[in-house]
PDB file of N, CA and C in Angstrom:
ATOM      1  N   MET A   1       5.573 -27.420 -26.435  1.00  0.00           N
ATOM      2  CA  MET A   1       4.794 -27.293 -25.218  1.00  0.00           C
ATOM      3  C   MET A   1       4.195 -25.894 -25.140  1.00  0.00           C
ATOM      4  N   GLY A   2       3.095 -25.806 -24.468  1.00  0.00           N
ATOM      5  CA  GLY A   2       2.417 -24.532 -24.293  1.00  0.00           C
ATOM      6  C   GLY A   2       1.010 -24.760 -23.799  1.00  0.00           C
ATOM      7  N   LEU A   3       0.235 -23.710 -23.864  1.00  0.00           N
ATOM      8  CA  LEU A   3      -1.156 -23.784 -23.435  1.00  0.00           C
ATOM      9  C   LEU A   3      -2.070 -23.620 -24.633  1.00  0.00           C
ATOM     10  N   VAL A   4      -3.144 -24.372 -24.637  1.00  0.00           N
ATOM     11  CA  VAL A   4      -4.180 -24.226 -25.660  1.00  0.00           C
ATOM     12  C   VAL A   4      -5.516 -24.031 -24.961  1.00  0.00           C
ATOM     13  N   ASP A   5      -6.471 -23.606 -25.702  1.00  0.00           N
ATOM     14  CA  ASP A   5      -7.809 -23.357 -25.164  1.00  0.00           C
ATOM     15  C   ASP A   5      -7.745 -22.429 -23.951  1.00  0.00           C
ATOM     16  N   VAL A   6      -6.950 -21.369 -24.089  1.00  0.00           N
ATOM     17  CA  VAL A   6      -6.774 -20.411 -22.992  1.00  0.00           C
ATOM     18  C   VAL A   6      -8.000 -19.512 -22.917  1.00  0.00           C
ATOM     19  N   ARG A   7      -8.516 -19.348 -21.738  1.00  0.00           N
ATOM     20  CA  ARG A   7      -9.666 -18.465 -21.524  1.00  0.00           C
ATOM     21  C   ARG A   7      -9.558 -17.829 -20.142  1.00  0.00           C
ATOM     22  N   SER A   8     -10.239 -16.729 -19.988  1.00  0.00           N
ATOM     23  CA  SER A   8     -10.254 -16.059 -18.692  1.00  0.00           C
ATOM     24  C   SER A   8     -11.696 -15.909 -18.226  1.00  0.00           C
ATOM     25  N   GLN A   9     -11.842 -15.860 -16.939  1.00  0.00           N
ATOM     26  CA  GLN A   9     -13.173 -15.775 -16.346  1.00  0.00           C
ATOM     27  C   GLN A   9     -13.112 -14.873 -15.113  1.00  0.00           C
ATOM     28  N   ALA A  10     -14.027 -13.928 -15.037  1.00  0.00           N
ATOM     29  CA  ALA A  10     -14.107 -13.078 -13.850  1.00  0.00           C
ATOM     30  C   ALA A  10     -14.519 -13.920 -12.654  1.00  0.00           C
ATOM     31  N   GLN A  11     -13.850 -13.692 -11.537  1.00  0.00           N
ATOM     32  CA  GLN A  11     -14.194 -14.384 -10.301  1.00  0.00           C
ATOM     33  C   GLN A  11     -14.207 -13.379  -9.151  1.00  0.00           C
ATOM     34  N   ASP A  12     -14.882 -12.247  -9.410  1.00  0.00           N
ATOM     35  CA  ASP A  12     -14.958 -11.191  -8.407  1.00  0.00           C
ATOM     36  C   ASP A  12     -15.618 -11.700  -7.129  1.00  0.00           C
ATOM     37  N   GLU A  13     -15.135 -11.190  -6.017  1.00  0.00           N
ATOM     38  CA  GLU A  13     -15.759 -11.477  -4.729  1.00  0.00           C
ATOM     39  C   GLU A  13     -16.440 -10.200  -4.256  1.00  0.00           C
ATOM     40  N   VAL A  14     -17.746 -10.272  -4.062  1.00  0.00           N
ATOM     41  CA  VAL A  14     -18.530  -9.109  -3.663  1.00  0.00           C
ATOM     42  C   VAL A  14     -19.114  -9.371  -2.284  1.00  0.00           C
ATOM     43  N   VAL A  15     -18.978  -8.379  -1.426  1.00  0.00           N
ATOM     44  CA  VAL A  15     -19.585  -8.468  -0.098  1.00  0.00           C
ATOM     45  C   VAL A  15     -20.425  -7.207   0.103  1.00  0.00           C
ATOM     46  N   GLU A  16     -21.621  -7.394   0.627  1.00  0.00           N
ATOM     47  CA  GLU A  16     -22.521  -6.263   0.855  1.00  0.00           C
ATOM     48  C   GLU A  16     -22.998  -6.264   2.298  1.00  0.00           C
ATOM     49  N   ARG A  17     -23.146  -5.059   2.822  1.00  0.00           N
ATOM     50  CA  ARG A  17     -23.665  -4.912   4.183  1.00  0.00           C
ATOM     51  C   ARG A  17     -24.996  -5.666   4.275  1.00  0.00           C
ATOM     52  N   GLY A  18     -25.157  -6.407   5.342  1.00  0.00           N
ATOM     53  CA  GLY A  18     -26.360  -7.199   5.526  1.00  0.00           C
ATOM     54  C   GLY A  18     -26.125  -8.673   5.232  1.00  0.00           C
ATOM     55  N   ASN A  19     -25.095  -8.982   4.445  1.00  0.00           N
ATOM     56  CA  ASN A  19     -24.750 -10.384   4.216  1.00  0.00           C
ATOM     57  C   ASN A  19     -24.188 -10.979   5.508  1.00  0.00           C
ATOM     58  N   PRO A  20     -24.438 -12.263   5.760  1.00  0.00           N
ATOM     59  CA  PRO A  20     -23.968 -12.861   7.010  1.00  0.00           C
ATOM     60  C   PRO A  20     -22.452 -12.819   7.189  1.00  0.00           C
ATOM     61  N   ASP A  21     -21.692 -12.799   6.096  1.00  0.00           N
ATOM     62  CA  ASP A  21     -20.234 -12.804   6.198  1.00  0.00           C
ATOM     63  C   ASP A  21     -19.616 -11.417   5.969  1.00  0.00           C
ATOM     64  N   PHE A  22     -20.442 -10.375   6.051  1.00  0.00           N
ATOM     65  CA  PHE A  22     -19.968  -9.017   5.775  1.00  0.00           C
ATOM     66  C   PHE A  22     -18.812  -8.609   6.668  1.00  0.00           C
ATOM     67  N   ASP A  23     -18.933  -8.801   7.976  1.00  0.00           N
ATOM     68  CA  ASP A  23     -17.877  -8.359   8.899  1.00  0.00           C
ATOM     69  C   ASP A  23     -16.546  -9.041   8.591  1.00  0.00           C
ATOM     70  N   GLU A  24     -16.601 -10.332   8.366  1.00  0.00           N
ATOM     71  CA  GLU A  24     -15.371 -11.090   8.106  1.00  0.00           C
ATOM     72  C   GLU A  24     -14.756 -10.715   6.760  1.00  0.00           C
ATOM     73  N   ARG A  25     -15.561 -10.709   5.709  1.00  0.00           N
ATOM     74  CA  ARG A  25     -15.023 -10.443   4.375  1.00  0.00           C
ATOM     75  C   ARG A  25     -14.707  -8.969   4.153  1.00  0.00           C
ATOM     76  N   GLY A  26     -15.437  -8.095   4.815  1.00  0.00           N
ATOM     77  CA  GLY A  26     -15.157  -6.667   4.702  1.00  0.00           C
ATOM     78  C   GLY A  26     -13.844  -6.286   5.358  1.00  0.00           C
ATOM     79  N   ALA A  27     -13.370  -7.122   6.251  1.00  0.00           N
ATOM     80  CA  ALA A  27     -12.132  -6.845   6.976  1.00  0.00           C
ATOM     81  C   ALA A  27     -10.890  -7.354   6.252  1.00  0.00           C
ATOM     82  N   LEU A  28     -11.029  -7.740   5.000  1.00  0.00           N
ATOM     83  CA  LEU A  28      -9.901  -8.271   4.240  1.00  0.00           C
ATOM     84  C   LEU A  28      -8.688  -7.352   4.295  1.00  0.00           C
ATOM     85  N   TRP A  29      -8.897  -6.059   4.078  1.00  0.00           N
ATOM     86  CA  TRP A  29      -7.750  -5.146   4.016  1.00  0.00           C
ATOM     87  C   TRP A  29      -7.150  -4.911   5.384  1.00  0.00           C
ATOM     88  N   LEU A  30      -7.909  -5.100   6.452  1.00  0.00           N
ATOM     89  CA  LEU A  30      -7.318  -5.051   7.792  1.00  0.00           C
ATOM     90  C   LEU A  30      -6.321  -6.197   7.956  1.00  0.00           C
ATOM     91  N   GLU A  31      -6.687  -7.352   7.442  1.00  0.00           N
ATOM     92  CA  GLU A  31      -5.777  -8.503   7.496  1.00  0.00           C
ATOM     93  C   GLU A  31      -4.516  -8.231   6.684  1.00  0.00           C
ATOM     94  N   VAL A  32      -4.671  -7.613   5.529  1.00  0.00           N
ATOM     95  CA  VAL A  32      -3.505  -7.273   4.705  1.00  0.00           C
ATOM     96  C   VAL A  32      -2.603  -6.311   5.461  1.00  0.00           C
ATOM     97  N   ILE A  33      -3.191  -5.280   6.043  1.00  0.00           N
ATOM     98  CA  ILE A  33      -2.414  -4.309   6.813  1.00  0.00           C
ATOM     99  C   ILE A  33      -1.683  -5.008   7.953  1.00  0.00           C
ATOM    100  N   ASP A  34      -2.389  -5.857   8.675  1.00  0.00           N
ATOM    101  CA  ASP A  34      -1.781  -6.553   9.815  1.00  0.00           C
ATOM    102  C   ASP A  34      -0.689  -7.522   9.381  1.00  0.00           C
ATOM    103  N   ASN A  35      -0.880  -8.179   8.239  1.00  0.00           N
ATOM    104  CA  ASN A  35       0.067  -9.218   7.821  1.00  0.00           C
ATOM    105  C   ASN A  35       1.277  -8.708   7.057  1.00  0.00           C
ATOM    106  N   ILE A  36       1.099  -7.674   6.250  1.00  0.00           N
ATOM    107  CA  ILE A  36       2.247  -7.233   5.449  1.00  0.00           C
ATOM    108  C   ILE A  36       2.539  -5.734   5.560  1.00  0.00           C
ATOM    109  N   GLY A  37       1.861  -5.056   6.466  1.00  0.00           N
ATOM    110  CA  GLY A  37       2.090  -3.621   6.635  1.00  0.00           C
ATOM    111  C   GLY A  37       3.540  -3.281   6.927  1.00  0.00           C
ATOM    112  N   GLU A  38       4.161  -4.032   7.804  1.00  0.00           N
ATOM    113  CA  GLU A  38       5.570  -3.776   8.142  1.00  0.00           C
ATOM    114  C   GLU A  38       6.474  -3.994   6.936  1.00  0.00           C
ATOM    115  N   GLN A  39       6.193  -4.998   6.147  1.00  0.00           N
ATOM    116  CA  GLN A  39       6.994  -5.266   4.949  1.00  0.00           C
ATOM    117  C   GLN A  39       6.845  -4.136   3.935  1.00  0.00           C
ATOM    118  N   LEU A  40       5.610  -3.627   3.775  1.00  0.00           N
ATOM    119  CA  LEU A  40       5.386  -2.509   2.857  1.00  0.00           C
ATOM    120  C   LEU A  40       6.153  -1.282   3.310  1.00  0.00           C
ATOM    121  N   SER A  41       6.149  -1.049   4.604  1.00  0.00           N
ATOM    122  CA  SER A  41       6.873   0.078   5.169  1.00  0.00           C
ATOM    123  C   SER A  41       8.383  -0.103   4.990  1.00  0.00           C
ATOM    124  N   ALA A  42       8.875  -1.279   5.297  1.00  0.00           N
ATOM    125  CA  ALA A  42      10.312  -1.555   5.176  1.00  0.00           C
ATOM    126  C   ALA A  42      10.789  -1.430   3.733  1.00  0.00           C
ATOM    127  N   ALA A  43       9.924  -1.758   2.780  1.00  0.00           N
ATOM    128  CA  ALA A  43      10.281  -1.682   1.362  1.00  0.00           C
ATOM    129  C   ALA A  43      10.167  -0.262   0.812  1.00  0.00           C
ATOM    130  N   GLY A  44       9.640   0.660   1.619  1.00  0.00           N
ATOM    131  CA  GLY A  44       9.553   2.047   1.201  1.00  0.00           C
ATOM    132  C   GLY A  44       8.291   2.428   0.447  1.00  0.00           C
ATOM    133  N   PHE A  45       7.304   1.527   0.401  1.00  0.00           N
ATOM    134  CA  PHE A  45       6.053   1.855  -0.281  1.00  0.00           C
ATOM    135  C   PHE A  45       5.244   2.878   0.502  1.00  0.00           C
ATOM    136  N   CYS A  46       5.415   2.891   1.801  1.00  0.00           N
ATOM    137  CA  CYS A  46       4.726   3.836   2.676  1.00  0.00           C
ATOM    138  C   CYS A  46       5.487   3.878   3.993  1.00  0.00           C
ATOM    139  N   THR A  47       5.095   4.801   4.836  1.00  0.00           N
ATOM    140  CA  THR A  47       5.762   4.898   6.132  1.00  0.00           C
ATOM    141  C   THR A  47       5.013   4.073   7.168  1.00  0.00           C
ATOM    142  N   LYS A  48       5.673   3.814   8.269  1.00  0.00           N
ATOM    143  CA  LYS A  48       5.025   3.088   9.362  1.00  0.00           C
ATOM    144  C   LYS A  48       3.825   3.884   9.886  1.00  0.00           C
ATOM    145  N   VAL A  49       3.966   5.196   9.945  1.00  0.00           N
ATOM    146  CA  VAL A  49       2.868   6.057  10.395  1.00  0.00           C
ATOM    147  C   VAL A  49       1.674   5.935   9.446  1.00  0.00           C
ATOM    148  N   GLN A  50       1.922   5.887   8.145  1.00  0.00           N
ATOM    149  CA  GLN A  50       0.828   5.734   7.181  1.00  0.00           C
ATOM    150  C   GLN A  50       0.117   4.399   7.364  1.00  0.00           C
ATOM    151  N   ILE A  51       0.876   3.354   7.636  1.00  0.00           N
ATOM    152  CA  ILE A  51       0.270   2.036   7.892  1.00  0.00           C
ATOM    153  C   ILE A  51      -0.616   2.115   9.130  1.00  0.00           C
ATOM    154  N   GLU A  52      -0.113   2.725  10.184  1.00  0.00           N
ATOM    155  CA  GLU A  52      -0.890   2.855  11.425  1.00  0.00           C
ATOM    156  C   GLU A  52      -2.144   3.696  11.200  1.00  0.00           C
ATOM    157  N   GLU A  53      -2.024   4.767  10.426  1.00  0.00           N
ATOM    158  CA  GLU A  53      -3.180   5.620  10.126  1.00  0.00           C
ATOM    159  C   GLU A  53      -4.213   4.860   9.285  1.00  0.00           C
ATOM    160  N   ALA A  54      -3.743   4.083   8.331  1.00  0.00           N
ATOM    161  CA  ALA A  54      -4.657   3.291   7.497  1.00  0.00           C
ATOM    162  C   ALA A  54      -5.415   2.301   8.366  1.00  0.00           C
ATOM    163  N   ARG A  55      -4.700   1.640   9.248  1.00  0.00           N
ATOM    164  CA  ARG A  55      -5.325   0.648  10.147  1.00  0.00           C
ATOM    165  C   ARG A  55      -6.365   1.321  11.039  1.00  0.00           C
ATOM    166  N   ALA A  56      -6.011   2.465  11.601  1.00  0.00           N
ATOM    167  CA  ALA A  56      -6.906   3.170  12.527  1.00  0.00           C
ATOM    168  C   ALA A  56      -8.154   3.709  11.831  1.00  0.00           C
ATOM    169  N   SER A  57      -8.043   4.089  10.563  1.00  0.00           N
ATOM    170  CA  SER A  57      -9.206   4.663   9.874  1.00  0.00           C
ATOM    171  C   SER A  57     -10.063   3.610   9.191  1.00  0.00           C
ATOM    172  N   TYR A  58      -9.473   2.490   8.801  1.00  0.00           N
ATOM    173  CA  TYR A  58     -10.224   1.496   8.030  1.00  0.00           C
ATOM    174  C   TYR A  58     -11.252   0.753   8.878  1.00  0.00           C
ATOM    175  N   ASP A  59     -10.899   0.389  10.082  1.00  0.00           N
ATOM    176  CA  ASP A  59     -11.828  -0.369  10.931  1.00  0.00           C
ATOM    177  C   ASP A  59     -13.139   0.381  11.161  1.00  0.00           C
ATOM    178  N   PRO A  60     -13.113   1.658  11.588  1.00  0.00           N
ATOM    179  CA  PRO A  60     -14.388   2.374  11.744  1.00  0.00           C
ATOM    180  C   PRO A  60     -15.123   2.575  10.413  1.00  0.00           C
ATOM    181  N   TRP A  61     -14.377   2.731   9.339  1.00  0.00           N
ATOM    182  CA  TRP A  61     -14.998   2.906   8.031  1.00  0.00           C
ATOM    183  C   TRP A  61     -15.805   1.667   7.656  1.00  0.00           C
ATOM    184  N   ILE A  62     -15.256   0.472   7.911  1.00  0.00           N
ATOM    185  CA  ILE A  62     -15.996  -0.761   7.640  1.00  0.00           C
ATOM    186  C   ILE A  62     -17.289  -0.791   8.445  1.00  0.00           C
ATOM    187  N   LYS A  63     -17.192  -0.443   9.707  1.00  0.00           N
ATOM    188  CA  LYS A  63     -18.343  -0.546  10.602  1.00  0.00           C
ATOM    189  C   LYS A  63     -19.413   0.501  10.324  1.00  0.00           C
ATOM    190  N   GLN A  64     -19.017   1.662   9.794  1.00  0.00           N
ATOM    191  CA  GLN A  64     -19.975   2.754   9.668  1.00  0.00           C
ATOM    192  C   GLN A  64     -20.330   3.145   8.234  1.00  0.00           C
ATOM    193  N   VAL A  65     -19.417   2.944   7.289  1.00  0.00           N
ATOM    194  CA  VAL A  65     -19.604   3.524   5.959  1.00  0.00           C
ATOM    195  C   VAL A  65     -19.698   2.479   4.841  1.00  0.00           C
ATOM    196  N   LEU A  66     -18.860   1.485   4.878  1.00  0.00           N
ATOM    197  CA  LEU A  66     -18.788   0.515   3.782  1.00  0.00           C
ATOM    198  C   LEU A  66     -20.141  -0.136   3.536  1.00  0.00           C
ATOM    199  N   VAL A  67     -20.595  -0.093   2.289  1.00  0.00           N
ATOM    200  CA  VAL A  67     -21.866  -0.697   1.906  1.00  0.00           C
ATOM    201  C   VAL A  67     -21.615  -1.926   1.037  1.00  0.00           C
ATOM    202  N   LYS A  68     -20.699  -1.786   0.099  1.00  0.00           N
ATOM    203  CA  LYS A  68     -20.411  -2.880  -0.826  1.00  0.00           C
ATOM    204  C   LYS A  68     -18.942  -2.826  -1.211  1.00  0.00           C
ATOM    205  N   GLN A  69     -18.316  -3.982  -1.197  1.00  0.00           N
ATOM    206  CA  GLN A  69     -16.907  -4.070  -1.573  1.00  0.00           C
ATOM    207  C   GLN A  69     -16.749  -5.158  -2.633  1.00  0.00           C
ATOM    208  N   THR A  70     -16.054  -4.817  -3.706  1.00  0.00           N
ATOM    209  CA  THR A  70     -15.794  -5.787  -4.763  1.00  0.00           C
ATOM    210  C   THR A  70     -14.292  -5.996  -4.878  1.00  0.00           C
ATOM    211  N   LEU A  71     -13.872  -7.219  -4.702  1.00  0.00           N
ATOM    212  CA  LEU A  71     -12.490  -7.596  -4.921  1.00  0.00           C
ATOM    213  C   LEU A  71     -12.442  -8.182  -6.331  1.00  0.00           C
ATOM    214  N   SER A  72     -11.888  -7.427  -7.266  1.00  0.00           N
ATOM    215  CA  SER A  72     -11.876  -7.837  -8.675  1.00  0.00           C
ATOM    216  C   SER A  72     -10.774  -8.856  -8.898  1.00  0.00           C
ATOM    217  N   MET A  73     -11.184 -10.020  -9.356  1.00  0.00           N
ATOM    218  CA  MET A  73     -10.228 -11.086  -9.632  1.00  0.00           C
ATOM    219  C   MET A  73     -10.584 -11.750 -10.954  1.00  0.00           C
ATOM    220  N   LYS A  74      -9.582 -12.309 -11.589  1.00  0.00           N
ATOM    221  CA  LYS A  74      -9.793 -13.001 -12.853  1.00  0.00           C
ATOM    222  C   LYS A  74      -8.960 -14.275 -12.830  1.00  0.00           C
ATOM    223  N   ALA A  75      -9.557 -15.366 -13.260  1.00  0.00           N
ATOM    224  CA  ALA A  75      -8.857 -16.636 -13.386  1.00  0.00           C
ATOM    225  C   ALA A  75      -8.550 -16.855 -14.866  1.00  0.00           C
ATOM    226  N   VAL A  76      -7.343 -17.297 -15.141  1.00  0.00           N
ATOM    227  CA  VAL A  76      -6.965 -17.649 -16.499  1.00  0.00           C
ATOM    228  C   VAL A  76      -6.672 -19.141 -16.522  1.00  0.00           C
ATOM    229  N   MET A  77      -7.326 -19.831 -17.447  1.00  0.00           N
ATOM    230  CA  MET A  77      -7.213 -21.283 -17.513  1.00  0.00           C
ATOM    231  C   MET A  77      -6.804 -21.697 -18.905  1.00  0.00           C
ATOM    232  N   GLY A  78      -6.075 -22.798 -18.981  1.00  0.00           N
ATOM    233  CA  GLY A  78      -5.688 -23.356 -20.265  1.00  0.00           C
ATOM    234  C   GLY A  78      -5.317 -24.810 -20.100  1.00  0.00           C
ATOM    235  N   ILE A  79      -5.149 -25.462 -21.206  1.00  0.00           N
ATOM    236  CA  ILE A  79      -4.765 -26.881 -21.201  1.00  0.00           C
ATOM    237  C   ILE A  79      -3.301 -26.957 -21.655  1.00  0.00           C
ATOM    238  N   ALA A  80      -2.471 -27.607 -20.831  1.00  0.00           N
ATOM    239  CA  ALA A  80      -1.061 -27.757 -21.165  1.00  0.00           C
ATOM    240  C   ALA A  80      -0.893 -28.814 -22.260  1.00  0.00           C
ATOM    241  N   ARG A  81      -0.100 -28.472 -23.249  1.00  0.00           N
ATOM    242  CA  ARG A  81       0.180 -29.426 -24.331  1.00  0.00           C
ATOM    243  C   ARG A  81       1.668 -29.602 -24.452  1.00  0.00           C
TER     244      ARG A  81
END
């Protein structure tokens, strides 16, 4: 058993200011902060204050500075044998 015909394909998600879904998709990291910020803090990756500071600075940055955001992703596909 294993995989054959394994290949990878870039599936980047790009959002640019002016696109109709810019506000929603540009806020991805706000959602991450809101959903797992406490867990990151509890695990010692950062402090609660750092999470709060990130949240407070990111929202205005999206609204005023962000022009283009690329979420780099790659899909790997193969056929199970």
